[in-house]
C-alpha cells in the first residue's frame, strides 16, 4: 500500500483525490488546504489540515497548488525566478512573494505568489530513493543471491551468462555486434 499526502485543495487536488480514491493500493492519508471548510473535501472523509506542521509522513507527497504558486528546485536566489528571494526549508517550505512590492509576505496573502524554494529538496529525493533501494536490496535481492532465487530475480536481471547475452537482453544484440 502506497501512502499519499496531497498539498493543495484546488481543482487538480480534487481530481487527484477522486482518482486515488478508486485505486485499492493507495492510502490517501491527508490533504493540506489553506482554508478549511470546502464541502467537497469534507465529504471525502480524508483528514484535512491547514497547518503544515501537522502534515503526516507518507510515501509520496504531491504538491498540487494553484497557478499562483512556484516551486523553484534550483533555489537560485536573485536568479531567473524573480520570486526566489530566499530559500525555504523542508519544515517550512512556503513563503509569499508580492510581485507589486517585490518583497516577501505571508504565503496566504491574497496578492502573494506562493513560493517553495527548498534549497536541499533535490537531496531529499535521492535520500528517500536510497533508503527504498536499500530496503529492497535487503528484503529481496540479498535473499535471492544467498538463499534461493525462486522468483527468478537474479536470473531475470542477468545480462550476460557464459559469455553471451541472456534471452531477456537479446534486444541488445545489435549494439553488442557494433551495429
Protein backbone atom coordinates (compact mmCIF):
# COMPACT_ATOMS: atom_id res chain seq x y z
CA UNK A 1 0.00 0.00 0.00
CA UNK A 2 1.37 3.39 -1.02
CA UNK A 3 0.58 6.27 1.33
CA UNK A 4 -0.05 9.70 -0.20
CA UNK A 5 -0.43 13.24 1.16
CA UNK A 6 -1.72 15.99 -1.12
CA UNK A 7 -0.79 19.62 -0.53
CA UNK A 8 -3.45 21.75 -2.17
CA UNK A 9 -7.22 21.87 -2.41
CA UNK A 10 -7.93 23.26 -5.87
CA UNK A 11 -9.20 21.51 -8.98
CA UNK A 12 -6.04 19.46 -9.55
CA UNK A 13 -6.00 18.28 -5.94
CA UNK A 14 -9.70 17.39 -6.09
CA UNK A 15 -9.20 15.37 -9.28
CA UNK A 16 -6.26 13.55 -7.69
CA UNK A 17 -8.32 12.79 -4.58
CA UNK A 18 -11.12 11.43 -6.76
CA UNK A 19 -8.74 9.31 -8.85
CA UNK A 20 -6.77 7.98 -5.87
CA UNK A 21 -9.96 7.03 -4.04
CA UNK A 22 -10.62 4.49 -6.80
CA UNK A 23 -7.22 2.79 -6.51
CA UNK A 24 -7.07 -0.03 -3.97
CA UNK A 25 -3.37 0.11 -3.17
CA UNK A 26 -3.26 3.85 -2.43
CA UNK A 27 -3.92 5.15 1.05
CA UNK A 28 -4.70 8.86 0.86
CA UNK A 29 -3.57 9.84 4.35
CA UNK A 30 -4.14 13.59 4.41
CA UNK A 31 -4.87 16.76 2.45
CA UNK A 32 -3.44 20.18 3.26
CA UNK A 33 -5.76 23.09 2.43
CA UNK A 34 -5.09 26.75 3.20
CA UNK A 35 -8.72 27.21 4.12
CA UNK A 36 -10.80 24.55 5.82
CA UNK A 37 -14.47 24.10 5.07
CA UNK A 38 -14.55 23.13 1.39
CA UNK A 39 -17.64 20.90 1.25
CA UNK A 40 -16.32 18.60 -1.48
CA UNK A 41 -13.18 17.92 0.56
CA UNK A 42 -15.17 17.42 3.75
CA UNK A 43 -17.27 14.73 2.02
CA UNK A 44 -14.16 12.74 1.14
CA UNK A 45 -13.57 11.55 4.74
CA UNK A 46 -9.84 12.20 4.32
CA UNK A 47 -8.13 14.04 7.18
CA UNK A 48 -7.65 17.70 6.25
CA UNK A 49 -5.31 20.19 7.88
CA UNK A 50 -4.44 23.82 7.31
CA UNK A 51 -1.31 23.59 9.46
CA UNK A 52 1.81 22.48 7.59
CA UNK A 53 3.45 21.43 10.84
CA UNK A 54 0.73 18.77 11.25
CA UNK A 55 1.39 17.04 7.92
CA UNK A 56 1.80 13.31 8.39
CA UNK A 57 4.56 11.21 6.84
CA UNK A 58 3.75 9.46 3.57
CA UNK A 59 5.50 7.53 0.83
CA UNK A 60 4.59 10.29 -1.62
CA UNK A 61 3.69 13.94 -1.04
CA UNK A 62 2.08 15.59 -4.05
CA UNK A 63 2.13 19.37 -4.25
CA UNK A 64 -0.96 20.36 -6.23
CA UNK A 65 -1.13 24.09 -5.75
CA UNK A 66 -2.68 26.76 -7.94
CA UNK A 67 -1.07 28.64 -10.80
CA UNK A 68 -0.15 31.42 -8.42
CA UNK A 69 2.50 29.20 -6.88
CA UNK A 70 6.05 28.47 -7.93
CA UNK A 71 8.26 25.57 -6.95
CA UNK A 72 11.86 26.52 -7.66
CA UNK A 73 14.00 23.44 -7.07
CA UNK A 74 17.14 25.24 -8.25
CA UNK A 75 16.69 27.78 -5.45
CA UNK A 76 18.91 30.26 -7.27
CA UNK A 77 18.40 33.38 -5.15
CA UNK A 78 18.30 36.54 -7.30
CA UNK A 79 18.42 34.24 -10.33
CA UNK A 80 15.98 33.75 -13.22
CA UNK A 81 12.94 33.17 -10.96
CA UNK A 82 12.30 36.63 -9.53
CA UNK A 83 10.15 35.34 -6.68
CA UNK A 84 13.01 33.26 -5.26
CA UNK A 85 14.31 35.83 -2.80
CA UNK A 86 15.39 33.31 -0.16
CA UNK A 87 15.49 29.60 0.39
CA UNK A 88 12.82 27.83 2.38
CA UNK A 89 13.16 24.61 4.37
CA UNK A 90 11.59 21.17 4.39
CA UNK A 91 9.97 22.05 7.73
CA UNK A 92 8.66 25.42 6.47
CA UNK A 93 8.57 25.06 2.67
CA UNK A 94 6.39 28.03 1.61
CA UNK A 95 6.60 31.78 1.73
CA UNK A 96 4.75 34.52 -0.11
CA UNK A 97 6.14 36.90 -2.70
CA UNK A 98 4.32 40.12 -3.53
CA UNK A 99 5.12 40.94 -7.17
CA UNK A 100 3.97 44.57 -6.73
CA UNK A 101 6.42 45.35 -3.92
CA UNK A 102 8.91 42.62 -4.90
CA UNK A 103 9.12 41.60 -1.27
CA UNK A 104 8.26 38.70 0.99
CA UNK A 105 4.84 38.38 2.52
CA UNK A 106 2.80 35.58 4.03
CA UNK A 107 2.11 32.79 1.56
CA UNK A 108 -1.64 33.08 2.05
CA UNK A 109 -1.76 36.84 1.36
CA UNK A 110 -4.34 37.49 -1.40
CA UNK A 111 -1.73 39.24 -3.57
CA UNK A 112 1.01 36.69 -2.96
CA UNK A 113 2.60 34.19 -5.24
CA UNK A 114 3.31 31.20 -3.06
CA UNK A 115 6.95 30.16 -3.37
CA UNK A 116 8.54 26.85 -2.49
CA UNK A 117 12.32 27.22 -2.84
CA UNK A 118 13.79 24.45 -0.71
CA UNK A 119 17.50 24.52 -1.46
CA UNK A 120 18.11 20.92 -0.45
CA UNK A 121 14.91 19.49 -1.98
CA UNK A 122 16.80 17.61 -4.72
CA UNK A 123 18.76 15.91 -1.91
CA UNK A 124 15.56 14.67 -0.27
CA UNK A 125 14.57 12.59 -3.30
CA UNK A 126 17.87 10.67 -3.56
CA UNK A 127 17.80 10.11 0.21
CA UNK A 128 14.32 8.56 0.01
CA UNK A 129 15.25 6.63 -3.12
CA UNK A 130 18.42 5.32 -1.47
CA UNK A 131 16.50 4.18 1.59
CA UNK A 132 13.89 2.42 -0.54
CA UNK A 133 16.57 0.87 -2.74
CA UNK A 134 18.45 -0.36 0.34
CA UNK A 135 15.28 -1.85 1.83
CA UNK A 136 14.50 -3.66 -1.43
CA UNK A 137 18.08 -4.96 -1.62
CA UNK A 138 17.89 -6.31 1.92
CA UNK A 139 14.45 -7.85 1.61
CA UNK A 140 14.57 -9.25 -1.95
CA UNK A 141 17.94 -9.21 -3.67
CA UNK A 142 20.22 -10.46 -0.88
CA UNK A 143 17.98 -13.45 -0.08
CA UNK A 144 17.79 -14.27 -3.81
CA UNK A 145 21.59 -14.22 -4.00
CA UNK A 146 22.29 -16.10 -0.79
CA UNK A 147 19.33 -18.41 -0.23
CA UNK A 148 17.10 -19.11 -3.21
CA UNK A 149 16.11 -17.28 -6.39
CA UNK A 150 12.59 -18.73 -6.51
CA UNK A 151 11.19 -15.53 -8.07
CA UNK A 152 13.93 -15.53 -10.75
CA UNK A 153 15.01 -12.01 -9.70
CA UNK A 154 18.69 -12.65 -10.29
CA UNK A 155 18.10 -14.74 -13.41
CA UNK A 156 15.88 -12.07 -14.94
CA UNK A 157 18.39 -9.31 -14.15
CA UNK A 158 21.43 -11.17 -15.52
CA UNK A 159 22.56 -9.54 -18.76
CA UNK A 160 25.32 -11.96 -19.76
CA UNK A 161 25.97 -15.59 -18.87
CA UNK A 162 28.72 -17.84 -20.17
CA UNK A 163 29.96 -15.04 -22.43
CA UNK A 164 26.66 -14.38 -24.20
CA UNK A 165 23.51 -12.29 -23.76
CA UNK A 166 20.70 -13.92 -21.81
CA UNK A 167 17.27 -14.16 -23.52
CA UNK A 168 15.88 -11.16 -21.56
CA UNK A 169 18.61 -8.93 -23.03
CA UNK A 170 18.73 -10.25 -26.57
CA UNK A 171 17.43 -6.86 -27.71
CA UNK A 172 20.99 -5.57 -27.13
CA UNK A 173 22.46 -7.94 -29.77
CA UNK A 174 22.86 -5.27 -32.48
CA UNK A 175 24.58 -2.93 -30.01
CA UNK A 176 26.96 -5.70 -28.88
CA UNK A 177 27.76 -6.52 -32.51
CA UNK A 178 28.54 -2.85 -33.24
CA UNK A 179 25.51 -2.28 -35.49
